[in-house]
Protein backbone atom coordinates (compact mmCIF):
# COMPACT_ATOMS: atom_id res chain seq x y z
CA MET A 1 -5.32 -3.26 -0.10
CA SER A 2 -8.44 -2.01 1.68
CA ARG A 3 -7.84 1.46 0.20
CA ARG A 4 -7.64 0.04 -3.33
CA LEU A 5 -10.80 -2.00 -2.82
CA PHE A 6 -12.62 1.06 -1.44
CA VAL A 7 -11.54 3.20 -4.41
CA SER A 8 -12.62 0.43 -6.80
CA PHE A 9 -16.09 0.27 -5.24
CA ILE A 10 -16.49 4.05 -5.40
CA LEU A 11 -15.30 4.25 -9.03
CA LEU A 12 -17.60 1.43 -10.08
CA ALA A 13 -20.58 3.02 -8.34
CA ALA A 14 -19.71 6.42 -9.87
CA LEU A 15 -19.57 4.91 -13.37
CA VAL A 16 -22.94 3.19 -12.89
CA LEU A 17 -24.51 6.39 -11.54
CA ALA A 18 -23.08 8.42 -14.39
CA ALA A 19 -24.40 5.92 -16.94
CA LEU A 20 -27.86 6.14 -15.37
CA GLU A 21 -28.21 9.76 -14.29
CA ILE A 22 -26.55 11.68 -17.12
CA PRO A 23 -28.96 10.34 -19.80
CA LEU A 24 -31.83 10.83 -17.33
CA GLY A 25 -30.86 14.46 -16.76
CA ILE A 26 -30.48 15.14 -20.48
CA GLN A 27 -33.84 13.54 -21.21
CA ASN A 28 -35.45 15.60 -18.45
CA ALA A 29 -34.07 18.82 -19.95
CA ARG A 30 -35.39 17.90 -23.39
CA THR A 31 -38.77 16.92 -21.96
CA ALA A 32 -39.02 20.20 -20.04
CA ASP A 33 -38.31 22.17 -23.24
CA ARG A 34 -40.87 20.16 -25.22
CA GLU A 35 -43.52 20.53 -22.51
CA LEU A 36 -43.00 24.29 -22.35
CA GLU A 37 -43.16 24.58 -26.14
CA SER A 38 -46.38 22.53 -26.24
CA ARG A 39 -47.98 24.61 -23.50
CA ILE A 40 -46.98 27.88 -25.16
CA GLU A 41 -48.25 26.56 -28.50
CA ARG A 42 -51.66 25.82 -26.98
CA ASP A 43 -51.75 29.31 -25.46
CA VAL A 44 -50.75 30.96 -28.75
CA VAL A 45 -53.47 29.10 -30.67
CA ALA A 46 -56.04 30.03 -28.01
CA ILE A 47 -55.13 33.75 -28.15
CA ALA A 48 -55.05 33.67 -31.95
CA THR A 49 -58.54 32.21 -31.98
CA VAL A 50 -59.82 34.95 -29.66
CA ALA A 51 -58.19 37.66 -31.82
CA GLU A 52 -59.35 36.17 -35.14
CA ASP A 53 -62.54 38.24 -35.54
CA ALA A 54 -60.88 41.55 -34.77
CA LEU A 55 -57.95 40.80 -37.09
CA GLN A 56 -60.30 39.72 -39.88
CA ASP A 57 -62.49 42.79 -39.61
CA GLY A 58 -59.58 45.18 -39.01
CA THR A 59 -61.25 46.53 -35.86
CA PRO A 60 -59.44 47.38 -32.60
CA LEU A 61 -58.66 44.47 -30.38
CA PRO A 62 -61.37 43.86 -27.80
CA ALA A 63 -60.76 44.87 -24.20
CA GLY A 64 -61.23 41.27 -23.11
CA LEU A 65 -58.32 40.20 -25.27
CA LEU A 66 -56.12 42.94 -23.85
CA THR A 67 -57.01 41.85 -20.32
CA LEU A 68 -56.38 38.20 -21.21
CA ALA A 69 -52.93 39.02 -22.62
CA ARG A 70 -51.93 41.11 -19.62
CA ASP A 71 -53.16 38.47 -17.19
CA TYR A 72 -51.19 35.87 -19.11
CA ARG A 73 -48.10 38.05 -18.85
CA ALA A 74 -48.55 38.55 -15.13
CA ARG A 75 -49.31 34.89 -14.48
CA THR A 76 -46.71 33.13 -16.63
CA GLY A 77 -44.13 35.76 -17.50
CA GLY A 78 -44.65 35.14 -21.22
CA ARG A 79 -44.60 38.11 -23.58
CA VAL A 80 -47.56 38.28 -25.98
CA ILE A 81 -47.32 40.06 -29.37
CA ILE A 82 -50.15 40.37 -31.85
CA VAL A 83 -49.56 41.70 -35.38
CA ASP A 84 -51.87 42.21 -38.36
CA ARG A 85 -51.50 40.61 -41.79
CA LEU A 86 -48.79 43.14 -42.70
CA GLY A 87 -46.75 42.42 -39.56
CA LEU A 88 -47.60 45.71 -37.85
CA LEU A 89 -47.78 45.56 -34.08
CA LEU A 90 -51.23 45.66 -32.54
CA LEU A 91 -50.44 44.46 -29.01
CA ASP A 92 -47.26 44.00 -27.00
CA THR A 93 -47.60 43.21 -23.31
CA ASP A 94 -44.10 44.61 -22.69
CA ALA A 95 -44.36 47.87 -24.71
CA ALA A 96 -47.88 49.18 -25.00
CA LYS A 97 -46.79 52.44 -26.68
CA GLN A 98 -45.07 50.78 -29.65
CA VAL A 99 -48.27 49.98 -31.52
CA GLY A 100 -47.69 50.15 -35.28
CA ARG A 101 -44.08 48.96 -35.18
CA ASP A 102 -43.14 46.66 -38.05
CA PHE A 103 -42.43 43.07 -36.97
CA SER A 104 -42.71 41.51 -40.39
CA THR A 105 -38.96 40.98 -40.64
CA ARG A 106 -38.83 38.73 -37.60
CA PRO A 107 -38.22 35.18 -38.89
CA GLU A 108 -40.78 33.46 -36.64
CA LEU A 109 -43.49 36.03 -37.47
CA LYS A 110 -42.68 35.81 -41.19
CA ILE A 111 -43.30 32.05 -40.93
CA ALA A 112 -46.52 32.57 -38.98
CA LEU A 113 -47.82 35.14 -41.50
CA ALA A 114 -47.13 32.53 -44.17
CA GLY A 115 -49.61 30.23 -42.45
CA ARG A 116 -47.31 27.98 -40.43
CA ILE A 117 -46.50 27.62 -36.75
CA ALA A 118 -42.91 28.54 -35.80
CA THR A 119 -41.25 27.27 -32.64
CA GLY A 120 -37.70 27.38 -31.34
CA THR A 121 -35.26 29.07 -29.02
CA ARG A 122 -33.00 32.03 -29.55
CA ARG A 123 -30.92 34.42 -27.53
CA SER A 124 -32.18 37.96 -27.13
CA ASN A 125 -29.30 40.40 -27.38
CA THR A 126 -31.55 43.11 -25.99
CA LEU A 127 -32.65 41.15 -22.93
CA GLY A 128 -29.45 39.16 -22.51
CA TYR A 129 -30.99 35.71 -22.03
CA ARG A 130 -32.41 32.80 -24.00
CA LEU A 131 -36.05 32.78 -25.13
CA ILE A 132 -38.47 30.09 -26.21
CA TYR A 133 -40.81 31.42 -28.90
CA VAL A 134 -43.96 30.13 -30.54
CA ALA A 135 -45.66 32.09 -33.34
CA ALA A 136 -48.97 30.98 -34.86
CA PRO A 137 -51.16 32.45 -37.59
CA SER A 138 -54.66 33.78 -36.95
CA ALA A 139 -56.52 32.58 -40.04
CA SER A 140 -59.93 31.62 -41.32
CA GLY A 141 -61.18 30.39 -44.68
CA GLY A 142 -57.60 29.77 -45.77
CA ARG A 143 -56.61 33.40 -45.33
CA VAL A 144 -54.14 34.71 -42.72
CA HIS A 145 -55.40 37.79 -40.94
CA GLY A 146 -52.49 38.22 -38.53
CA ALA A 147 -50.23 36.37 -36.13
CA VAL A 148 -49.68 35.88 -32.42
CA ARG A 149 -46.27 35.25 -30.86
CA ILE A 150 -45.45 34.35 -27.28
CA THR A 151 -41.85 34.45 -26.04
CA TYR A 152 -40.99 32.83 -22.80
CA PRO A 153 -37.66 33.19 -20.93
CA THR A 154 -35.92 29.84 -20.49
CA SER A 155 -34.71 30.83 -17.02
CA ALA A 156 -37.70 29.17 -15.40
CA VAL A 157 -37.09 25.97 -17.34
CA ASP A 158 -33.36 26.26 -16.72
CA ASP A 159 -34.06 26.57 -13.00
CA ARG A 160 -36.22 23.44 -13.09
CA VAL A 161 -33.58 21.57 -15.07
CA ARG A 162 -30.85 22.79 -12.73
CA HIS A 163 -32.91 21.76 -9.72
CA TYR A 164 -33.36 18.33 -11.29
CA TRP A 165 -29.60 18.03 -11.87
CA LEU A 166 -28.98 19.03 -8.25
CA LEU A 167 -31.50 16.42 -7.15
CA LEU A 168 -29.71 13.79 -9.22
CA ALA A 169 -26.38 14.92 -7.72
CA ALA A 170 -27.83 14.63 -4.22
CA VAL A 171 -29.10 11.14 -4.99
CA ALA A 172 -25.68 10.25 -6.40
CA GLY A 173 -24.00 11.61 -3.27
CA LEU A 174 -26.26 9.56 -1.01
CA VAL A 175 -25.68 6.45 -3.10
CA LEU A 176 -21.91 7.01 -3.12
CA ALA A 177 -21.96 7.55 0.66
CA ALA A 178 -23.90 4.30 1.12
CA VAL A 179 -21.58 2.48 -1.28
CA GLY A 180 -18.58 3.99 0.50
CA ALA A 181 -19.80 2.81 3.91
CA ALA A 182 -20.55 -0.65 2.54
CA GLY A 183 -17.24 -0.59 0.66
CA ILE A 184 -15.28 0.17 3.83
CA ILE A 185 -16.96 -2.72 5.64
CA LEU A 186 -16.47 -5.10 2.72
CA ALA A 187 -12.88 -3.98 2.07
CA ARG A 188 -11.96 -4.51 5.70
CA TRP A 189 -13.73 -7.87 5.70
CA LEU A 190 -11.62 -8.88 2.71
CA SER A 191 -8.31 -7.21 3.53
CA ARG A 192 -7.93 -7.83 7.26
CA PRO A 193 -7.69 -11.64 6.96
CA LEU A 194 -5.26 -11.23 4.07
CA ALA A 195 -3.21 -8.76 6.10
CA ARG A 196 -3.06 -11.28 8.94
CA VAL A 197 -1.94 -13.98 6.53
CA GLY A 198 0.75 -11.59 5.27
CA GLN A 199 1.81 -10.78 8.84
CA ALA A 200 2.04 -14.48 9.69
CA ALA A 201 4.07 -15.05 6.50
CA ALA A 202 6.45 -12.24 7.48
CA GLU A 203 6.89 -13.73 10.97
CA ALA A 204 7.53 -17.16 9.46
CA GLY A 205 10.02 -15.60 7.05
CA ARG A 206 11.90 -14.15 10.05
CA GLY A 207 12.20 -17.66 11.48
CA ASP A 208 9.18 -17.82 13.80
CA LEU A 209 7.60 -21.05 12.57
CA SER A 210 5.06 -20.92 15.39
CA ALA A 211 3.26 -18.12 13.53
CA ARG A 212 -0.22 -19.05 12.33
CA ALA A 213 -2.76 -17.16 10.21
CA PRO A 214 -6.37 -17.01 11.51
CA ASP A 215 -8.53 -19.27 9.34
CA ASP A 216 -11.92 -18.30 10.78
CA ALA A 217 -12.41 -14.87 9.17
CA GLY A 218 -12.98 -13.50 5.70
CA PRO A 219 -14.39 -15.11 2.56
CA PRO A 220 -13.96 -18.87 1.95
CA GLU A 221 -11.03 -18.30 -0.43
CA VAL A 222 -9.07 -16.40 2.22
CA ARG A 223 -9.87 -19.03 4.85
CA SER A 224 -8.66 -21.74 2.50
CA LEU A 225 -5.46 -19.75 1.88
CA ALA A 226 -4.91 -19.36 5.64
CA ARG A 227 -5.41 -23.09 6.23
CA SER A 228 -3.00 -23.95 3.41
CA PHE A 229 -0.43 -21.52 4.80
CA ASN A 230 -0.74 -22.94 8.31
CA ALA A 231 -0.35 -26.47 6.97
CA MET A 232 2.74 -25.44 5.02
CA VAL A 233 4.36 -23.72 8.03
CA THR A 234 3.58 -26.74 10.20
CA ALA A 235 5.16 -29.08 7.66
CA ILE A 236 8.25 -26.87 7.29
CA GLY A 237 8.58 -26.61 11.06
CA GLY A 238 8.37 -30.38 11.36
CA LEU A 239 11.02 -30.87 8.69
CA LEU A 240 13.37 -28.35 10.31
CA ARG A 241 12.85 -29.88 13.75
CA ALA A 242 13.58 -33.33 12.32
CA GLN A 243 16.72 -31.98 10.65
CA ARG A 244 17.92 -30.25 13.82
CA ASP A 245 17.12 -33.28 15.93
CA PHE A 246 19.03 -35.50 13.55
CA VAL A 247 22.10 -33.24 13.57
CA ALA A 248 21.96 -32.87 17.34
CA ASP A 249 21.42 -36.59 17.96
CA ALA A 250 24.11 -37.60 15.49
CA SER A 251 26.58 -35.11 16.95
CA HIS A 252 25.79 -36.22 20.47
CA GLU A 253 26.07 -39.91 19.64
CA LEU A 254 29.38 -39.42 17.81
CA ARG A 255 31.10 -37.81 20.78
CA THR A 256 31.42 -41.03 22.78
CA PRO A 257 32.95 -43.23 20.03
CA LEU A 258 35.28 -40.39 19.04
CA ALA A 259 36.47 -40.05 22.63
CA ALA A 260 36.99 -43.82 22.80
CA LEU A 261 38.87 -43.79 19.49
CA ARG A 262 41.12 -40.99 20.67
CA LEU A 263 41.84 -42.85 23.90
CA ARG A 264 42.78 -46.02 21.99
CA LEU A 265 45.06 -44.08 19.66
CA GLU A 266 46.75 -42.38 22.60
CA ASN A 267 47.29 -45.80 24.24
CA LEU A 268 49.13 -46.93 21.11
CA GLU A 269 51.75 -44.22 21.45
CA ARG A 270 53.92 -46.47 23.68
CA ASP A 271 53.88 -49.34 21.20
CA VAL A 272 54.42 -47.68 17.82
CA THR A 273 57.79 -47.42 16.18
CA ASP A 274 59.42 -44.17 15.28
CA GLU A 275 58.53 -44.77 11.63
CA ALA A 276 54.81 -45.16 12.43
CA ARG A 277 54.61 -42.32 14.94
CA PRO A 278 53.92 -39.54 12.35
CA GLY A 279 50.96 -41.53 11.08
CA LEU A 280 49.62 -41.96 14.60
CA GLU A 281 50.01 -38.28 15.35
CA GLY A 282 48.20 -37.44 12.12
CA ALA A 283 45.37 -39.78 13.10
CA LEU A 284 45.14 -38.12 16.51
CA ALA A 285 44.98 -34.69 14.85
CA GLU A 286 42.19 -35.84 12.55
CA VAL A 287 40.28 -37.29 15.51
CA ALA A 288 40.71 -33.98 17.36
CA ARG A 289 39.46 -32.11 14.29
CA LEU A 290 36.51 -34.47 13.94
CA SER A 291 35.66 -34.01 17.63
CA LEU A 292 35.73 -30.24 17.18
CA LEU A 293 33.50 -30.56 14.14
CA VAL A 294 31.01 -32.67 16.07
CA ASP A 295 30.97 -30.15 18.93
CA ASP A 296 30.40 -27.29 16.48
CA LEU A 297 27.60 -29.19 14.75
CA LEU A 298 25.91 -29.72 18.10
CA SER A 299 26.31 -26.01 18.91
CA LEU A 300 24.92 -25.05 15.51
CA ALA A 301 21.91 -27.34 15.96
CA ARG A 302 21.20 -25.73 19.31
CA ALA A 303 21.57 -22.27 17.78
CA ASP A 304 19.19 -23.17 14.95
CA ALA A 305 16.62 -24.32 17.51
CA GLY A 306 16.29 -20.66 18.47
CA GLN A 307 15.13 -21.41 22.00
CA THR A 308 16.63 -18.34 23.61
CA ALA A 309 15.50 -16.28 26.55
CA PRO A 310 16.92 -12.75 26.15
CA GLU A 311 17.51 -10.86 29.38
CA PRO A 312 19.39 -7.73 30.46
CA PHE A 313 23.07 -8.21 31.36
CA ASP A 314 26.28 -6.18 31.41
CA LEU A 315 27.99 -6.94 28.13
CA ALA A 316 31.20 -5.17 29.19
CA ALA A 317 31.46 -7.33 32.31
CA LEU A 318 30.88 -10.52 30.30
CA VAL A 319 33.58 -9.53 27.78
CA ARG A 320 36.01 -8.72 30.61
CA GLU A 321 35.36 -12.14 32.14
CA ARG A 322 35.99 -13.95 28.83
CA LEU A 323 39.20 -12.01 28.23
CA ASP A 324 40.47 -13.18 31.64
CA ALA A 325 39.61 -16.75 30.64
CA TRP A 326 41.51 -16.44 27.34
CA ALA A 327 44.53 -14.61 28.80
CA ALA A 328 46.62 -17.79 29.20
CA ALA A 329 45.92 -18.97 25.66
CA ALA A 330 46.83 -15.51 24.33
CA ALA A 331 50.08 -15.55 26.31
CA ASP A 332 50.96 -18.93 24.76
CA HIS A 333 50.51 -17.35 21.31
CA GLY A 334 52.55 -14.29 22.28
CA VAL A 335 49.51 -12.05 21.79
CA ARG A 336 48.16 -9.35 24.13
CA LEU A 337 44.45 -8.89 24.77
CA VAL A 338 43.50 -5.22 25.30
CA LEU A 339 39.99 -4.17 26.38
CA ALA A 340 38.59 -0.68 25.86
CA ALA A 341 35.38 -0.48 27.88
CA GLY A 342 33.88 2.36 29.85
CA PRO A 343 30.69 2.28 31.91
CA PRO A 344 28.46 -0.81 31.96
CA VAL A 345 26.77 -1.61 28.66
CA VAL A 346 23.49 -3.33 29.47
CA ALA A 347 22.42 -5.38 26.46
CA ARG A 348 19.31 -7.51 26.08
CA ALA A 349 20.31 -10.91 24.77
CA THR A 350 21.00 -14.46 25.93
CA PRO A 351 24.08 -14.42 28.19
CA GLY A 352 25.04 -18.04 27.44
CA ALA A 353 24.75 -17.50 23.70
CA THR A 354 26.71 -14.23 23.92
CA THR A 355 29.45 -16.03 25.85
CA GLN A 356 29.76 -18.55 23.03
CA VAL A 357 29.82 -15.69 20.49
CA VAL A 358 32.69 -13.93 22.30
CA ASP A 359 34.63 -17.21 22.69
CA ASN A 360 34.30 -18.06 18.98
CA LEU A 361 35.44 -14.59 17.89
CA LEU A 362 38.40 -14.59 20.29
CA SER A 363 39.37 -18.10 19.11
CA ASN A 364 39.30 -16.95 15.46
CA ALA A 365 41.35 -13.85 16.28
CA LEU A 366 43.98 -15.85 18.19
CA ALA A 367 44.23 -18.34 15.33
CA VAL A 368 45.34 -15.64 12.85
CA ALA A 369 47.06 -13.04 15.08
CA PRO A 370 50.86 -13.03 14.62
CA PRO A 371 53.07 -13.25 17.73
CA GLY A 372 53.75 -9.89 19.33
CA SER A 373 50.51 -8.36 18.02
CA VAL A 374 47.55 -6.99 19.94
CA ILE A 375 43.91 -8.09 19.83
CA ALA A 376 41.92 -4.95 20.60
CA VAL A 377 38.47 -5.47 22.10
CA ALA A 378 36.01 -2.59 22.59
CA CYS A 379 32.55 -2.51 24.10
CA ARG A 380 30.33 0.56 24.07
CA ALA A 381 26.74 1.74 23.59
CA ILE A 382 25.82 3.54 20.35
CA GLY A 383 22.25 4.68 19.91
CA ASN A 384 19.99 1.86 20.99
CA HIS A 385 22.57 -0.86 20.36
CA ALA A 386 25.39 -2.41 22.36
CA LEU A 387 28.43 -2.69 20.09
CA LEU A 388 31.27 -5.21 20.53
CA THR A 389 34.33 -5.01 18.23
CA ILE A 390 37.36 -7.33 18.11
CA ASP A 391 40.35 -6.26 15.96
CA ASP A 392 43.27 -8.50 15.01
CA ALA A 393 46.44 -7.96 12.97
CA GLY A 394 46.06 -11.13 10.91
CA PRO A 395 46.10 -11.46 7.11
CA GLY A 396 42.49 -10.30 6.80
CA LEU A 397 39.99 -11.18 4.08
CA SER A 398 38.71 -9.62 0.89
CA ALA A 399 35.31 -7.95 0.88
CA ALA A 400 33.74 -10.95 -0.87
CA ASP A 401 35.35 -13.43 1.53
CA ARG A 402 34.21 -11.40 4.56
CA GLU A 403 30.58 -12.10 3.64
CA ARG A 404 31.22 -15.73 2.65
CA ALA A 405 32.99 -16.30 5.96
CA PHE A 406 29.60 -16.60 7.70
CA GLY A 407 28.64 -19.54 5.50
CA ARG A 408 28.67 -23.01 7.00
CA PHE A 409 31.91 -25.01 6.52
CA TRP A 410 33.56 -22.10 4.69
CA ARG A 411 37.28 -21.65 5.30
CA ALA A 412 39.77 -19.29 3.73
CA ALA A 413 42.02 -20.84 1.08
CA ALA A 414 45.16 -20.09 3.07
CA GLU A 415 43.70 -21.19 6.40
CA HIS A 416 45.18 -24.25 8.09
CA GLY A 417 44.46 -25.87 11.41
CA PRO A 418 41.78 -27.92 13.12
CA GLY A 419 38.86 -25.48 12.56
CA SER A 420 35.50 -26.77 11.32
CA GLY A 421 34.39 -23.68 9.38
CA LEU A 422 31.28 -23.40 11.55
CA GLY A 423 32.42 -20.84 14.13
CA LEU A 424 31.21 -17.69 12.34
CA ALA A 425 28.01 -19.40 11.18
CA ILE A 426 27.25 -20.18 14.82
CA VAL A 427 28.08 -16.57 15.79
CA ARG A 428 25.70 -15.07 13.23
CA ARG A 429 22.90 -17.51 14.10
CA LEU A 430 23.16 -16.83 17.85
CA VAL A 431 23.37 -13.06 17.40
CA GLU A 432 20.43 -12.89 14.97
CA ALA A 433 18.34 -15.07 17.29
CA ASP A 434 18.69 -12.28 19.87
CA GLY A 435 17.72 -9.59 17.36
CA GLY A 436 21.29 -8.42 16.70
CA GLU A 437 23.71 -8.33 13.79
CA ALA A 438 27.19 -9.78 13.18
CA ARG A 439 29.52 -8.67 10.40
CA LEU A 440 33.19 -8.42 9.43
CA GLU A 441 35.08 -5.32 8.32
CA GLU A 442 38.65 -4.38 7.58
CA SER A 443 40.57 -3.59 10.76
CA PRO A 444 42.81 -0.53 11.18
CA GLN A 445 45.48 -3.05 12.25
CA GLY A 446 45.36 -4.63 8.79
CA GLY A 447 43.44 -7.75 9.77
CA LEU A 448 39.77 -8.25 10.50
CA ARG A 449 37.35 -6.38 12.70
CA ALA A 450 34.52 -8.56 13.99
CA ILE A 451 31.47 -6.47 14.93
CA VAL A 452 28.56 -7.70 17.03
CA SER A 453 25.56 -5.40 17.56
CA LEU A 454 22.96 -6.34 20.19
CA PRO A 455 19.86 -4.48 21.36
CA LEU A 456 20.29 -2.30 24.42
CA SER A 457 18.07 -3.06 27.38
CA ASP A 458 15.31 -0.59 28.21
């Protein structure tokens, strides 16, 4: 943003300078041409006045006039030509030996011999540059006795005009430099607070609702935006905390009455008849399922709280420990647990949360693994991540269902049993809270491969 603001300031300043300086430069060039023409015209009239008597009488030009013309040539660089009434050359400060040459065909001298002053510019093919010319008649009593012409190279004027353009360019450069310096300061003053608001918004979007935007810098509009953003994040954080607290409190409070209800139902087993026993067993199963759901809701609320303290630990050792804990349950299902782990894999995560992740994934794998199959567990380091994979030989899921499986309360259509549908949601929430990733893929065994990626410790 600061770059765009800086470019906008520079472009705006450049447009203003162009609108001011280009007409000024053009006007200066025109003024310089007019001033030179006026000065040459005065000089031509003055020389014509001095030469009038000699031209009228047809006598040689006086020595004083010759000296005046040569001095003028040496002083100004202007070429002086004097012709008689027929247009024959009497004096040329550039070619003294060409006296008598016919100049009557020159347009400006033809106009001057007709009694009018001729001014203008033309390019001399002989000299190879532009000339300013002024030709004036030398007349008295209404009769033209001859004409005087002065030609002046425009290089001197062009140099002055070019110098003026360079001066304008230098002024423009200084102004643009000043505008650029001020633009950088102003752009940073405007963009830095907005960048901090954007950074705080990104942190809040990643789940850090403690992020706040500084509201004491920048223009009033940006400060107001920062205050509004902070108020919004505070309100959202309060709502989420209230929601988590409600779920956690409700789950915690439901555990005691559910345990009491299960105990009462179990005490009725001795007194029910054989006909009523299936109903009692169904009620006990539903109570067990409801208890599992309450426990998972409490775990999910704790995971959503995000209060984790990542630390380095050996992921391979933790997985080995959990496999030992689940060995008896696997034996009851007729399933073998096989671990492929090499050297220690030191991950940086929350050990307690990772333990719950491994337990949930092993529980899901055991629930779908057919008897006699193998659940293959691997733990290794790849790049800067610690990778845990768990493969089962169950029925698997389609690609669409593998992504939906991480949704809360989602269960496969063919899935039966006491599950709550929250296990994978808890896994993903705990893993992402530690900066990792959890996903499902198709297993080479035909079932599912659960993949957990955690950051490696430095």
